Amino acid sequence: MLKKCFRLRKRGSFTYVRAHGTRYSEKYLTLHFVRGNCKLVGFIVSNKVGKAVKRNLVKRRMRAVVREEWNNLVRGQYVFSARPGITDLSYADIKGRMLFLLTKAGLFKTENSRLNIKNDSQE
């Protein structure tokens, strides 16, 4: 699990990132990003996505992807927003879509290891 000290938890933090950040979107996910001195990440999954069990499943999967890629990410504040329909995707699909957004935004420290992500996520 991603440690609490690395998570965005306050409403104002989410609002700041969404208002001042750069947005990258795809069909089931949106990424807002603001550069900064530390790495913080937050997840938004609204009631439109599904009931609590489905929303929590989506958040767990997104947290797992971020945890795996944590050392490769640049410093800043990230907010991932899930859209309706994401509950039908598998973990591998969610991971591919998240990595696609991060690559599109240029938020990896080393871009060489992420060259094939665009091809995998658009299938």
PDB file of N, CA and C in Angstrom:
ATOM      1  N   MET A   1       0.839  -1.187   0.000  1.00  0.00           N
ATOM      2  CA  MET A   1       0.000   0.000   0.000  1.00  0.00           C
ATOM      3  C   MET A   1       0.880   1.245   0.000  1.00  0.00           C
ATOM      4  N   LEU A   2       0.425   2.260  -0.649  1.00  0.00           N
ATOM      5  CA  LEU A   2       1.133   3.531  -0.706  1.00  0.00           C
ATOM      6  C   LEU A   2       1.014   4.218   0.654  1.00  0.00           C
ATOM      7  N   LYS A   3       2.128   4.655   1.217  1.00  0.00           N
ATOM      8  CA  LYS A   3       2.129   5.276   2.544  1.00  0.00           C
ATOM      9  C   LYS A   3       1.303   6.554   2.541  1.00  0.00           C
ATOM     10  N   LYS A   4       0.683   6.845   3.690  1.00  0.00           N
ATOM     11  CA  LYS A   4      -0.159   8.025   3.809  1.00  0.00           C
ATOM     12  C   LYS A   4       0.603   9.320   3.568  1.00  0.00           C
ATOM     13  N   CYS A   5       1.876   9.330   3.919  1.00  0.00           N
ATOM     14  CA  CYS A   5       2.653  10.570   3.753  1.00  0.00           C
ATOM     15  C   CYS A   5       2.847  10.932   2.274  1.00  0.00           C
ATOM     16  N   PHE A   6       2.592   9.999   1.376  1.00  0.00           N
ATOM     17  CA  PHE A   6       2.725  10.264  -0.060  1.00  0.00           C
ATOM     18  C   PHE A   6       1.376  10.492  -0.743  1.00  0.00           C
ATOM     19  N   ARG A   7       0.295  10.527   0.031  1.00  0.00           N
ATOM     20  CA  ARG A   7      -1.037  10.690  -0.553  1.00  0.00           C
ATOM     21  C   ARG A   7      -1.577  12.095  -0.340  1.00  0.00           C
ATOM     22  N   LEU A   8      -2.303  12.593  -1.314  1.00  0.00           N
ATOM     23  CA  LEU A   8      -3.077  13.820  -1.133  1.00  0.00           C
ATOM     24  C   LEU A   8      -4.336  13.436  -0.362  1.00  0.00           C
ATOM     25  N   ARG A   9      -4.635  14.166   0.716  1.00  0.00           N
ATOM     26  CA  ARG A   9      -5.800  13.799   1.513  1.00  0.00           C
ATOM     27  C   ARG A   9      -6.768  14.945   1.761  1.00  0.00           C
ATOM     28  N   LYS A  10      -6.294  16.173   1.644  1.00  0.00           N
ATOM     29  CA  LYS A  10      -7.125  17.336   1.930  1.00  0.00           C
ATOM     30  C   LYS A  10      -7.835  17.813   0.664  1.00  0.00           C
ATOM     31  N   ARG A  11      -9.052  18.278   0.856  1.00  0.00           N
ATOM     32  CA  ARG A  11      -9.846  18.763  -0.267  1.00  0.00           C
ATOM     33  C   ARG A  11      -9.139  19.905  -0.999  1.00  0.00           C
ATOM     34  N   GLY A  12      -8.505  20.790  -0.238  1.00  0.00           N
ATOM     35  CA  GLY A  12      -7.807  21.920  -0.841  1.00  0.00           C
ATOM     36  C   GLY A  12      -6.646  21.496  -1.723  1.00  0.00           C
ATOM     37  N   SER A  13      -5.975  20.416  -1.365  1.00  0.00           N
ATOM     38  CA  SER A  13      -4.872  19.909  -2.175  1.00  0.00           C
ATOM     39  C   SER A  13      -5.369  19.417  -3.524  1.00  0.00           C
ATOM     40  N   PHE A  14      -6.475  18.675  -3.497  1.00  0.00           N
ATOM     41  CA  PHE A  14      -7.072  18.188  -4.741  1.00  0.00           C
ATOM     42  C   PHE A  14      -7.528  19.367  -5.603  1.00  0.00           C
ATOM     43  N   THR A  15      -8.158  20.351  -4.977  1.00  0.00           N
ATOM     44  CA  THR A  15      -8.654  21.515  -5.699  1.00  0.00           C
ATOM     45  C   THR A  15      -7.508  22.289  -6.345  1.00  0.00           C
ATOM     46  N   TYR A  16      -6.412  22.454  -5.604  1.00  0.00           N
ATOM     47  CA  TYR A  16      -5.254  23.176  -6.145  1.00  0.00           C
ATOM     48  C   TYR A  16      -4.693  22.470  -7.375  1.00  0.00           C
ATOM     49  N   VAL A  17      -4.496  21.167  -7.281  1.00  0.00           N
ATOM     50  CA  VAL A  17      -3.907  20.418  -8.396  1.00  0.00           C
ATOM     51  C   VAL A  17      -4.831  20.453  -9.605  1.00  0.00           C
ATOM     52  N   ARG A  18      -6.120  20.318  -9.370  1.00  0.00           N
ATOM     53  CA  ARG A  18      -7.047  20.321 -10.502  1.00  0.00           C
ATOM     54  C   ARG A  18      -7.175  21.703 -11.132  1.00  0.00           C
ATOM     55  N   ALA A  19      -7.038  22.756 -10.326  1.00  0.00           N
ATOM     56  CA  ALA A  19      -7.173  24.115 -10.853  1.00  0.00           C
ATOM     57  C   ALA A  19      -5.897  24.599 -11.547  1.00  0.00           C
ATOM     58  N   HIS A  20      -4.739  24.265 -10.994  1.00  0.00           N
ATOM     59  CA  HIS A  20      -3.475  24.793 -11.505  1.00  0.00           C
ATOM     60  C   HIS A  20      -2.663  23.786 -12.311  1.00  0.00           C
ATOM     61  N   GLY A  21      -3.107  22.549 -12.343  1.00  0.00           N
ATOM     62  CA  GLY A  21      -2.332  21.511 -12.994  1.00  0.00           C
ATOM     63  C   GLY A  21      -2.618  21.368 -14.473  1.00  0.00           C
ATOM     64  N   THR A  22      -1.781  20.609 -15.101  1.00  0.00           N
ATOM     65  CA  THR A  22      -1.951  20.259 -16.509  1.00  0.00           C
ATOM     66  C   THR A  22      -2.762  18.978 -16.581  1.00  0.00           C
ATOM     67  N   ARG A  23      -3.720  18.928 -17.496  1.00  0.00           N
ATOM     68  CA  ARG A  23      -4.623  17.783 -17.587  1.00  0.00           C
ATOM     69  C   ARG A  23      -4.310  16.941 -18.811  1.00  0.00           C
ATOM     70  N   TYR A  24      -4.330  15.618 -18.582  1.00  0.00           N
ATOM     71  CA  TYR A  24      -4.170  14.638 -19.653  1.00  0.00           C
ATOM     72  C   TYR A  24      -5.310  13.643 -19.494  1.00  0.00           C
ATOM     73  N   SER A  25      -5.992  13.345 -20.595  1.00  0.00           N
ATOM     74  CA  SER A  25      -7.181  12.506 -20.510  1.00  0.00           C
ATOM     75  C   SER A  25      -7.145  11.373 -21.507  1.00  0.00           C
ATOM     76  N   GLU A  26      -7.885  10.350 -21.165  1.00  0.00           N
ATOM     77  CA  GLU A  26      -8.222   9.270 -22.088  1.00  0.00           C
ATOM     78  C   GLU A  26      -9.616   8.792 -21.709  1.00  0.00           C
ATOM     79  N   LYS A  27     -10.105   7.749 -22.308  1.00  0.00           N
ATOM     80  CA  LYS A  27     -11.502   7.364 -22.170  1.00  0.00           C
ATOM     81  C   LYS A  27     -11.938   7.106 -20.726  1.00  0.00           C
ATOM     82  N   TYR A  28     -11.121   6.428 -19.932  1.00  0.00           N
ATOM     83  CA  TYR A  28     -11.535   6.038 -18.586  1.00  0.00           C
ATOM     84  C   TYR A  28     -10.781   6.736 -17.461  1.00  0.00           C
ATOM     85  N   LEU A  29      -9.771   7.526 -17.769  1.00  0.00           N
ATOM     86  CA  LEU A  29      -8.956   8.167 -16.736  1.00  0.00           C
ATOM     87  C   LEU A  29      -8.585   9.590 -17.133  1.00  0.00           C
ATOM     88  N   THR A  30      -8.380  10.408 -16.104  1.00  0.00           N
ATOM     89  CA  THR A  30      -7.848  11.750 -16.283  1.00  0.00           C
ATOM     90  C   THR A  30      -6.710  11.932 -15.290  1.00  0.00           C
ATOM     91  N   LEU A  31      -5.634  12.564 -15.727  1.00  0.00           N
ATOM     92  CA  LEU A  31      -4.498  12.855 -14.867  1.00  0.00           C
ATOM     93  C   LEU A  31      -4.300  14.354 -14.811  1.00  0.00           C
ATOM     94  N   HIS A  32      -4.239  14.903 -13.597  1.00  0.00           N
ATOM     95  CA  HIS A  32      -3.869  16.295 -13.365  1.00  0.00           C
ATOM     96  C   HIS A  32      -2.512  16.271 -12.680  1.00  0.00           C
ATOM     97  N   PHE A  33      -1.610  17.171 -13.099  1.00  0.00           N
ATOM     98  CA  PHE A  33      -0.255  17.156 -12.551  1.00  0.00           C
ATOM     99  C   PHE A  33       0.268  18.562 -12.358  1.00  0.00           C
ATOM    100  N   VAL A  34       0.913  18.775 -11.192  1.00  0.00           N
ATOM    101  CA  VAL A  34       1.599  20.026 -10.891  1.00  0.00           C
ATOM    102  C   VAL A  34       3.001  19.666 -10.417  1.00  0.00           C
ATOM    103  N   ARG A  35       4.030  20.271 -10.999  1.00  0.00           N
ATOM    104  CA  ARG A  35       5.400  20.011 -10.548  1.00  0.00           C
ATOM    105  C   ARG A  35       5.615  20.603  -9.162  1.00  0.00           C
ATOM    106  N   GLY A  36       6.483  19.930  -8.392  1.00  0.00           N
ATOM    107  CA  GLY A  36       6.777  20.396  -7.046  1.00  0.00           C
ATOM    108  C   GLY A  36       8.020  19.734  -6.498  1.00  0.00           C
ATOM    109  N   ASN A  37       8.285  19.955  -5.213  1.00  0.00           N
ATOM    110  CA  ASN A  37       9.485  19.422  -4.577  1.00  0.00           C
ATOM    111  C   ASN A  37       9.315  18.013  -4.042  1.00  0.00           C
ATOM    112  N   CYS A  38       8.090  17.581  -3.844  1.00  0.00           N
ATOM    113  CA  CYS A  38       7.860  16.242  -3.296  1.00  0.00           C
ATOM    114  C   CYS A  38       6.862  15.505  -4.184  1.00  0.00           C
ATOM    115  N   LYS A  39       6.788  14.195  -4.007  1.00  0.00           N
ATOM    116  CA  LYS A  39       5.836  13.384  -4.776  1.00  0.00           C
ATOM    117  C   LYS A  39       4.617  13.112  -3.907  1.00  0.00           C
ATOM    118  N   LEU A  40       3.458  13.540  -4.378  1.00  0.00           N
ATOM    119  CA  LEU A  40       2.191  13.255  -3.721  1.00  0.00           C
ATOM    120  C   LEU A  40       1.204  12.800  -4.778  1.00  0.00           C
ATOM    121  N   VAL A  41       0.338  11.888  -4.406  1.00  0.00           N
ATOM    122  CA  VAL A  41      -0.629  11.368  -5.363  1.00  0.00           C
ATOM    123  C   VAL A  41      -1.986  11.228  -4.700  1.00  0.00           C
ATOM    124  N   GLY A  42      -3.036  11.513  -5.472  1.00  0.00           N
ATOM    125  CA  GLY A  42      -4.405  11.375  -4.994  1.00  0.00           C
ATOM    126  C   GLY A  42      -5.258  10.700  -6.054  1.00  0.00           C
ATOM    127  N   PHE A  43      -6.343  10.091  -5.594  1.00  0.00           N
ATOM    128  CA  PHE A  43      -7.233   9.354  -6.497  1.00  0.00           C
ATOM    129  C   PHE A  43      -8.662   9.807  -6.262  1.00  0.00           C
ATOM    130  N   ILE A  44      -9.384  10.039  -7.368  1.00  0.00           N
ATOM    131  CA  ILE A  44     -10.786  10.431  -7.300  1.00  0.00           C
ATOM    132  C   ILE A  44     -11.596   9.398  -8.056  1.00  0.00           C
ATOM    133  N   VAL A  45     -12.547   8.790  -7.355  1.00  0.00           N
ATOM    134  CA  VAL A  45     -13.462   7.842  -7.977  1.00  0.00           C
ATOM    135  C   VAL A  45     -14.857   8.213  -7.496  1.00  0.00           C
ATOM    136  N   SER A  46     -15.668   8.794  -8.368  1.00  0.00           N
ATOM    137  CA  SER A  46     -16.972   9.320  -7.967  1.00  0.00           C
ATOM    138  C   SER A  46     -18.023   8.219  -7.846  1.00  0.00           C
ATOM    139  N   ASN A  47     -19.166   8.598  -7.327  1.00  0.00           N
ATOM    140  CA  ASN A  47     -20.288   7.666  -7.179  1.00  0.00           C
ATOM    141  C   ASN A  47     -20.814   7.181  -8.527  1.00  0.00           C
ATOM    142  N   LYS A  48     -20.542   7.901  -9.602  1.00  0.00           N
ATOM    143  CA  LYS A  48     -20.993   7.503 -10.927  1.00  0.00           C
ATOM    144  C   LYS A  48     -20.303   6.233 -11.407  1.00  0.00           C
ATOM    145  N   VAL A  49     -19.136   5.942 -10.841  1.00  0.00           N
ATOM    146  CA  VAL A  49     -18.367   4.759 -11.236  1.00  0.00           C
ATOM    147  C   VAL A  49     -19.052   3.493 -10.744  1.00  0.00           C
ATOM    148  N   GLY A  50     -19.620   3.523  -9.559  1.00  0.00           N
ATOM    149  CA  GLY A  50     -20.288   2.347  -9.013  1.00  0.00           C
ATOM    150  C   GLY A  50     -20.427   2.443  -7.510  1.00  0.00           C
ATOM    151  N   LYS A  51     -20.869   1.351  -6.913  1.00  0.00           N
ATOM    152  CA  LYS A  51     -21.024   1.308  -5.456  1.00  0.00           C
ATOM    153  C   LYS A  51     -19.652   1.253  -4.798  1.00  0.00           C
ATOM    154  N   ALA A  52     -19.632   1.287  -3.473  1.00  0.00           N
ATOM    155  CA  ALA A  52     -18.385   1.405  -2.706  1.00  0.00           C
ATOM    156  C   ALA A  52     -17.393   0.287  -3.016  1.00  0.00           C
ATOM    157  N   VAL A  53     -17.883  -0.933  -3.185  1.00  0.00           N
ATOM    158  CA  VAL A  53     -16.983  -2.059  -3.448  1.00  0.00           C
ATOM    159  C   VAL A  53     -16.227  -1.851  -4.757  1.00  0.00           C
ATOM    160  N   LYS A  54     -16.919  -1.412  -5.783  1.00  0.00           N
ATOM    161  CA  LYS A  54     -16.295  -1.172  -7.090  1.00  0.00           C
ATOM    162  C   LYS A  54     -15.338   0.016  -7.033  1.00  0.00           C
ATOM    163  N   ARG A  55     -15.756   1.096  -6.358  1.00  0.00           N
ATOM    164  CA  ARG A  55     -14.894   2.276  -6.249  1.00  0.00           C
ATOM    165  C   ARG A  55     -13.602   1.940  -5.515  1.00  0.00           C
ATOM    166  N   ASN A  56     -13.714   1.188  -4.435  1.00  0.00           N
ATOM    167  CA  ASN A  56     -12.523   0.813  -3.672  1.00  0.00           C
ATOM    168  C   ASN A  56     -11.609  -0.108  -4.475  1.00  0.00           C
ATOM    169  N   LEU A  57     -12.185  -0.996  -5.262  1.00  0.00           N
ATOM    170  CA  LEU A  57     -11.391  -1.875  -6.121  1.00  0.00           C
ATOM    171  C   LEU A  57     -10.579  -1.057  -7.125  1.00  0.00           C
ATOM    172  N   VAL A  58     -11.215  -0.067  -7.725  1.00  0.00           N
ATOM    173  CA  VAL A  58     -10.533   0.786  -8.698  1.00  0.00           C
ATOM    174  C   VAL A  58      -9.406   1.556  -8.017  1.00  0.00           C
ATOM    175  N   LYS A  59      -9.674   2.102  -6.833  1.00  0.00           N
ATOM    176  CA  LYS A  59      -8.637   2.849  -6.115  1.00  0.00           C
ATOM    177  C   LYS A  59      -7.469   1.949  -5.723  1.00  0.00           C
ATOM    178  N   ARG A  60      -7.741   0.738  -5.288  1.00  0.00           N
ATOM    179  CA  ARG A  60      -6.665  -0.201  -4.939  1.00  0.00           C
ATOM    180  C   ARG A  60      -5.799  -0.513  -6.149  1.00  0.00           C
ATOM    181  N   ARG A  61      -6.434  -0.715  -7.285  1.00  0.00           N
ATOM    182  CA  ARG A  61      -5.681  -1.014  -8.504  1.00  0.00           C
ATOM    183  C   ARG A  61      -4.833   0.172  -8.933  1.00  0.00           C
ATOM    184  N   MET A  62      -5.380   1.375  -8.845  1.00  0.00           N
ATOM    185  CA  MET A  62      -4.615   2.553  -9.232  1.00  0.00           C
ATOM    186  C   MET A  62      -3.456   2.778  -8.262  1.00  0.00           C
ATOM    187  N   ARG A  63      -3.673   2.564  -6.981  1.00  0.00           N
ATOM    188  CA  ARG A  63      -2.595   2.690  -5.994  1.00  0.00           C
ATOM    189  C   ARG A  63      -1.480   1.692  -6.270  1.00  0.00           C
ATOM    190  N   ALA A  64      -1.855   0.479  -6.651  1.00  0.00           N
ATOM    191  CA  ALA A  64      -0.849  -0.545  -6.939  1.00  0.00           C
ATOM    192  C   ALA A  64       0.023  -0.149  -8.130  1.00  0.00           C
ATOM    193  N   VAL A  65      -0.573   0.426  -9.148  1.00  0.00           N
ATOM    194  CA  VAL A  65       0.192   0.868 -10.315  1.00  0.00           C
ATOM    195  C   VAL A  65       1.176   1.964  -9.912  1.00  0.00           C
ATOM    196  N   VAL A  66       0.702   2.932  -9.149  1.00  0.00           N
ATOM    197  CA  VAL A  66       1.577   4.024  -8.716  1.00  0.00           C
ATOM    198  C   VAL A  66       2.703   3.489  -7.836  1.00  0.00           C
ATOM    199  N   ARG A  67       2.396   2.554  -6.962  1.00  0.00           N
ATOM    200  CA  ARG A  67       3.416   1.972  -6.085  1.00  0.00           C
ATOM    201  C   ARG A  67       4.507   1.269  -6.898  1.00  0.00           C
ATOM    202  N   GLU A  68       4.126   0.565  -7.948  1.00  0.00           N
ATOM    203  CA  GLU A  68       5.100  -0.125  -8.795  1.00  0.00           C
ATOM    204  C   GLU A  68       6.009   0.850  -9.538  1.00  0.00           C
ATOM    205  N   GLU A  69       5.466   1.982  -9.939  1.00  0.00           N
ATOM    206  CA  GLU A  69       6.209   2.944 -10.760  1.00  0.00           C
ATOM    207  C   GLU A  69       6.742   4.121  -9.960  1.00  0.00           C
ATOM    208  N   TRP A  70       6.623   4.088  -8.640  1.00  0.00           N
ATOM    209  CA  TRP A  70       6.945   5.225  -7.778  1.00  0.00           C
ATOM    210  C   TRP A  70       8.351   5.775  -8.027  1.00  0.00           C
ATOM    211  N   ASN A  71       9.336   4.921  -8.112  1.00  0.00           N
ATOM    212  CA  ASN A  71      10.717   5.376  -8.263  1.00  0.00           C
ATOM    213  C   ASN A  71      11.012   5.968  -9.632  1.00  0.00           C
ATOM    214  N   ASN A  72      10.164   5.698 -10.611  1.00  0.00           N
ATOM    215  CA  ASN A  72      10.377   6.201 -11.971  1.00  0.00           C
ATOM    216  C   ASN A  72       9.691   7.535 -12.232  1.00  0.00           C
ATOM    217  N   LEU A  73       8.873   8.005 -11.296  1.00  0.00           N
ATOM    218  CA  LEU A  73       8.088   9.220 -11.502  1.00  0.00           C
ATOM    219  C   LEU A  73       8.863  10.454 -11.073  1.00  0.00           C
ATOM    220  N   VAL A  74       8.631  11.563 -11.787  1.00  0.00           N
ATOM    221  CA  VAL A  74       9.231  12.836 -11.405  1.00  0.00           C
ATOM    222  C   VAL A  74       8.479  13.401 -10.208  1.00  0.00           C
ATOM    223  N   ARG A  75       9.101  14.364  -9.541  1.00  0.00           N
ATOM    224  CA  ARG A  75       8.472  14.972  -8.361  1.00  0.00           C
ATOM    225  C   ARG A  75       7.326  15.876  -8.770  1.00  0.00           C
ATOM    226  N   GLY A  76       6.271  15.857  -7.976  1.00  0.00           N
ATOM    227  CA  GLY A  76       5.114  16.688  -8.235  1.00  0.00           C
ATOM    228  C   GLY A  76       3.887  16.108  -7.569  1.00  0.00           C
ATOM    229  N   GLN A  77       2.760  16.728  -7.811  1.00  0.00           N
ATOM    230  CA  GLN A  77       1.492  16.276  -7.261  1.00  0.00           C
ATOM    231  C   GLN A  77       0.637  15.726  -8.393  1.00  0.00           C
ATOM    232  N   TYR A  78       0.170  14.510  -8.214  1.00  0.00           N
ATOM    233  CA  TYR A  78      -0.617  13.796  -9.215  1.00  0.00           C
ATOM    234  C   TYR A  78      -2.031  13.570  -8.684  1.00  0.00           C
ATOM    235  N   VAL A  79      -3.025  13.767  -9.528  1.00  0.00           N
ATOM    236  CA  VAL A  79      -4.396  13.392  -9.191  1.00  0.00           C
ATOM    237  C   VAL A  79      -4.944  12.583 -10.365  1.00  0.00           C
ATOM    238  N   PHE A  80      -5.306  11.335 -10.084  1.00  0.00           N
ATOM    239  CA  PHE A  80      -5.935  10.468 -11.079  1.00  0.00           C
ATOM    240  C   PHE A  80      -7.433  10.446 -10.805  1.00  0.00           C
ATOM    241  N   SER A  81      -8.241  10.739 -11.822  1.00  0.00           N
ATOM    242  CA  SER A  81      -9.695  10.693 -11.712  1.00  0.00           C
ATOM    243  C   SER A  81     -10.223   9.575 -12.593  1.00  0.00           C
ATOM    244  N   ALA A  82     -11.014   8.694 -12.001  1.00  0.00           N
ATOM    245  CA  ALA A  82     -11.603   7.585 -12.755  1.00  0.00           C
ATOM    246  C   ALA A  82     -12.946   8.015 -13.325  1.00  0.00           C
ATOM    247  N   ARG A  83     -13.249   7.502 -14.507  1.00  0.00           N
ATOM    248  CA  ARG A  83     -14.528   7.795 -15.165  1.00  0.00           C
ATOM    249  C   ARG A  83     -15.392   6.538 -15.195  1.00  0.00           C
ATOM    250  N   PRO A  84     -16.700   6.717 -15.372  1.00  0.00           N
ATOM    251  CA  PRO A  84     -17.579   5.546 -15.442  1.00  0.00           C
ATOM    252  C   PRO A  84     -17.140   4.581 -16.535  1.00  0.00           C
ATOM    253  N   GLY A  85     -17.248   3.288 -16.244  1.00  0.00           N
ATOM    254  CA  GLY A  85     -16.851   2.251 -17.174  1.00  0.00           C
ATOM    255  C   GLY A  85     -15.520   1.622 -16.822  1.00  0.00           C
ATOM    256  N   ILE A  86     -14.772   2.243 -15.941  1.00  0.00           N
ATOM    257  CA  ILE A  86     -13.461   1.720 -15.577  1.00  0.00           C
ATOM    258  C   ILE A  86     -13.574   0.418 -14.780  1.00  0.00           C
ATOM    259  N   THR A  87     -14.713   0.174 -14.164  1.00  0.00           N
ATOM    260  CA  THR A  87     -14.886  -1.050 -13.374  1.00  0.00           C
ATOM    261  C   THR A  87     -14.895  -2.299 -14.254  1.00  0.00           C
ATOM    262  N   ASP A  88     -15.136  -2.133 -15.548  1.00  0.00           N
ATOM    263  CA  ASP A  88     -15.148  -3.273 -16.468  1.00  0.00           C
ATOM    264  C   ASP A  88     -13.738  -3.672 -16.917  1.00  0.00           C
ATOM    265  N   LEU A  89     -12.747  -2.858 -16.586  1.00  0.00           N
ATOM    266  CA  LEU A  89     -11.374  -3.118 -17.021  1.00  0.00           C
ATOM    267  C   LEU A  89     -10.625  -3.982 -16.010  1.00  0.00           C
ATOM    268  N   SER A  90      -9.693  -4.751 -16.514  1.00  0.00           N
ATOM    269  CA  SER A  90      -8.839  -5.565 -15.642  1.00  0.00           C
ATOM    270  C   SER A  90      -7.702  -4.689 -15.105  1.00  0.00           C
ATOM    271  N   TYR A  91      -6.948  -5.257 -14.169  1.00  0.00           N
ATOM    272  CA  TYR A  91      -5.798  -4.546 -13.612  1.00  0.00           C
ATOM    273  C   TYR A  91      -4.794  -4.191 -14.707  1.00  0.00           C
ATOM    274  N   ALA A  92      -4.534  -5.113 -15.605  1.00  0.00           N
ATOM    275  CA  ALA A  92      -3.566  -4.870 -16.680  1.00  0.00           C
ATOM    276  C   ALA A  92      -4.024  -3.719 -17.585  1.00  0.00           C
ATOM    277  N   ASP A  93      -5.323  -3.644 -17.851  1.00  0.00           N
ATOM    278  CA  ASP A  93      -5.842  -2.551 -18.679  1.00  0.00           C
ATOM    279  C   ASP A  93      -5.702  -1.210 -17.977  1.00  0.00           C
ATOM    280  N   ILE A  94      -6.037  -1.174 -16.688  1.00  0.00           N
ATOM    281  CA  ILE A  94      -5.910   0.065 -15.926  1.00  0.00           C
ATOM    282  C   ILE A  94      -4.453   0.500 -15.877  1.00  0.00           C
ATOM    283  N   LYS A  95      -3.560  -0.452 -15.651  1.00  0.00           N
ATOM    284  CA  LYS A  95      -2.135  -0.145 -15.600  1.00  0.00           C
ATOM    285  C   LYS A  95      -1.664   0.417 -16.939  1.00  0.00           C
ATOM    286  N   GLY A  96      -2.054  -0.207 -18.026  1.00  0.00           N
ATOM    287  CA  GLY A  96      -1.662   0.276 -19.343  1.00  0.00           C
ATOM    288  C   GLY A  96      -2.157   1.685 -19.618  1.00  0.00           C
ATOM    289  N   ARG A  97      -3.377   1.972 -19.219  1.00  0.00           N
ATOM    290  CA  ARG A  97      -3.941   3.300 -19.446  1.00  0.00           C
ATOM    291  C   ARG A  97      -3.266   4.355 -18.570  1.00  0.00           C
ATOM    292  N   MET A  98      -2.966   3.993 -17.316  1.00  0.00           N
ATOM    293  CA  MET A  98      -2.276   4.936 -16.435  1.00  0.00           C
ATOM    294  C   MET A  98      -0.858   5.215 -16.947  1.00  0.00           C
ATOM    295  N   LEU A  99      -0.161   4.181 -17.363  1.00  0.00           N
ATOM    296  CA  LEU A  99       1.190   4.364 -17.884  1.00  0.00           C
ATOM    297  C   LEU A  99       1.178   5.160 -19.182  1.00  0.00           C
ATOM    298  N   PHE A 100       0.144   4.964 -19.985  1.00  0.00           N
ATOM    299  CA  PHE A 100      -0.001   5.745 -21.209  1.00  0.00           C
ATOM    300  C   PHE A 100      -0.128   7.235 -20.887  1.00  0.00           C
ATOM    301  N   LEU A 101      -0.963   7.570 -19.884  1.00  0.00           N
ATOM    302  CA  LEU A 101      -1.132   8.976 -19.507  1.00  0.00           C
ATOM    303  C   LEU A 101       0.161   9.561 -18.949  1.00  0.00           C
ATOM    304  N   LEU A 102       0.847   8.793 -18.113  1.00  0.00           N
ATOM    305  CA  LEU A 102       2.106   9.275 -17.539  1.00  0.00           C
ATOM    306  C   LEU A 102       3.168   9.478 -18.623  1.00  0.00           C
ATOM    307  N   THR A 103       3.195   8.592 -19.595  1.00  0.00           N
ATOM    308  CA  THR A 103       4.138   8.726 -20.700  1.00  0.00           C
ATOM    309  C   THR A 103       3.775   9.921 -21.580  1.00  0.00           C
ATOM    310  N   LYS A 104       2.498  10.075 -21.852  1.00  0.00           N
ATOM    311  CA  LYS A 104       2.009  11.189 -22.654  1.00  0.00           C
ATOM    312  C   LYS A 104       2.379  12.527 -22.009  1.00  0.00           C
ATOM    313  N   ALA A 105       2.330  12.558 -20.670  1.00  0.00           N
ATOM    314  CA  ALA A 105       2.659  13.772 -19.938  1.00  0.00           C
ATOM    315  C   ALA A 105       4.161  13.960 -19.760  1.00  0.00           C
ATOM    316  N   GLY A 106       4.950  12.919 -20.054  1.00  0.00           N
ATOM    317  CA  GLY A 106       6.397  13.005 -19.903  1.00  0.00           C
ATOM    318  C   GLY A 106       6.829  13.023 -18.455  1.00  0.00           C
ATOM    319  N   LEU A 107       6.172  12.225 -17.610  1.00  0.00           N
ATOM    320  CA  LEU A 107       6.418  12.261 -16.174  1.00  0.00           C
ATOM    321  C   LEU A 107       7.282  11.126 -15.663  1.00  0.00           C
ATOM    322  N   PHE A 108       7.953  10.412 -16.547  1.00  0.00           N
ATOM    323  CA  PHE A 108       8.891   9.384 -16.125  1.00  0.00           C
ATOM    324  C   PHE A 108      10.294   9.957 -16.145  1.00  0.00           C
ATOM    325  N   LYS A 109      11.113   9.546 -15.181  1.00  0.00           N
ATOM    326  CA  LYS A 109      12.507   9.996 -15.135  1.00  0.00           C
ATOM    327  C   LYS A 109      13.280   9.462 -16.325  1.00  0.00           C
ATOM    328  N   THR A 110      13.026   8.213 -16.695  1.00  0.00           N
ATOM    329  CA  THR A 110      13.699   7.605 -17.838  1.00  0.00           C
ATOM    330  C   THR A 110      12.652   7.222 -18.863  1.00  0.00           C
ATOM    331  N   GLU A 111      12.657   7.896 -19.982  1.00  0.00           N
ATOM    332  CA  GLU A 111      11.666   7.647 -21.032  1.00  0.00           C
ATOM    333  C   GLU A 111      11.977   6.401 -21.841  1.00  0.00           C
ATOM    334  N   ASN A 112      13.237   5.940 -21.850  1.00  0.00           N
ATOM    335  CA  ASN A 112      13.624   4.806 -22.690  1.00  0.00           C
ATOM    336  C   ASN A 112      12.882   3.530 -22.329  1.00  0.00           C
ATOM    337  N   SER A 113      12.530   3.346 -21.062  1.00  0.00           N
ATOM    338  CA  SER A 113      11.873   2.109 -20.645  1.00  0.00           C
ATOM    339  C   SER A 113      10.382   2.116 -20.936  1.00  0.00           C
ATOM    340  N   ARG A 114       9.850   3.219 -21.437  1.00  0.00           N
ATOM    341  CA  ARG A 114       8.410   3.344 -21.639  1.00  0.00           C
ATOM    342  C   ARG A 114       8.008   3.496 -23.101  1.00  0.00           C
ATOM    343  N   LEU A 115       8.830   3.073 -24.016  1.00  0.00           N
ATOM    344  CA  LEU A 115       8.547   3.305 -25.429  1.00  0.00           C
ATOM    345  C   LEU A 115       7.365   2.500 -25.945  1.00  0.00           C
ATOM    346  N   ASN A 116       7.135   1.292 -25.447  1.00  0.00           N
ATOM    347  CA  ASN A 116       6.088   0.423 -25.983  1.00  0.00           C
ATOM    348  C   ASN A 116       4.747   0.578 -25.285  1.00  0.00           C
ATOM    349  N   ILE A 117       4.630   1.464 -24.332  1.00  0.00           N
ATOM    350  CA  ILE A 117       3.380   1.594 -23.575  1.00  0.00           C
ATOM    351  C   ILE A 117       2.255   2.126 -24.451  1.00  0.00           C
ATOM    352  N   LYS A 118       2.540   3.065 -25.324  1.00  0.00           N
ATOM    353  CA  LYS A 118       1.509   3.636 -26.172  1.00  0.00           C
ATOM    354  C   LYS A 118       0.851   2.565 -27.017  1.00  0.00           C
ATOM    355  N   ASN A 119       1.603   1.646 -27.552  1.00  0.00           N
ATOM    356  CA  ASN A 119       1.058   0.581 -28.388  1.00  0.00           C
ATOM    357  C   ASN A 119       0.229  -0.394 -27.563  1.00  0.00           C
ATOM    358  N   ASP A 120       0.642  -0.709 -26.341  1.00  0.00           N
ATOM    359  CA  ASP A 120      -0.085  -1.668 -25.509  1.00  0.00           C
ATOM    360  C   ASP A 120      -1.415  -1.113 -25.016  1.00  0.00           C
ATOM    361  N   SER A 121      -1.481   0.181 -24.681  1.00  0.00           N
ATOM    362  CA  SER A 121      -2.687   0.723 -24.053  1.00  0.00           C
ATOM    363  C   SER A 121      -3.787   1.047 -25.049  1.00  0.00           C
ATOM    364  N   GLN A 122      -3.510   1.098 -26.343  1.00  0.00           N
ATOM    365  CA  GLN A 122      -4.533   1.481 -27.305  1.00  0.00           C
ATOM    366  C   GLN A 122      -5.157   0.290 -28.008  1.00  0.00           C
ATOM    367  N   GLU A 123      -4.997  -0.887 -27.475  1.00  0.00           N
ATOM    368  CA  GLU A 123      -5.591  -2.065 -28.119  1.00  0.00           C
ATOM    369  C   GLU A 123      -7.052  -2.180 -27.807  1.00  0.00           C
TER     370      GLU A 123
END
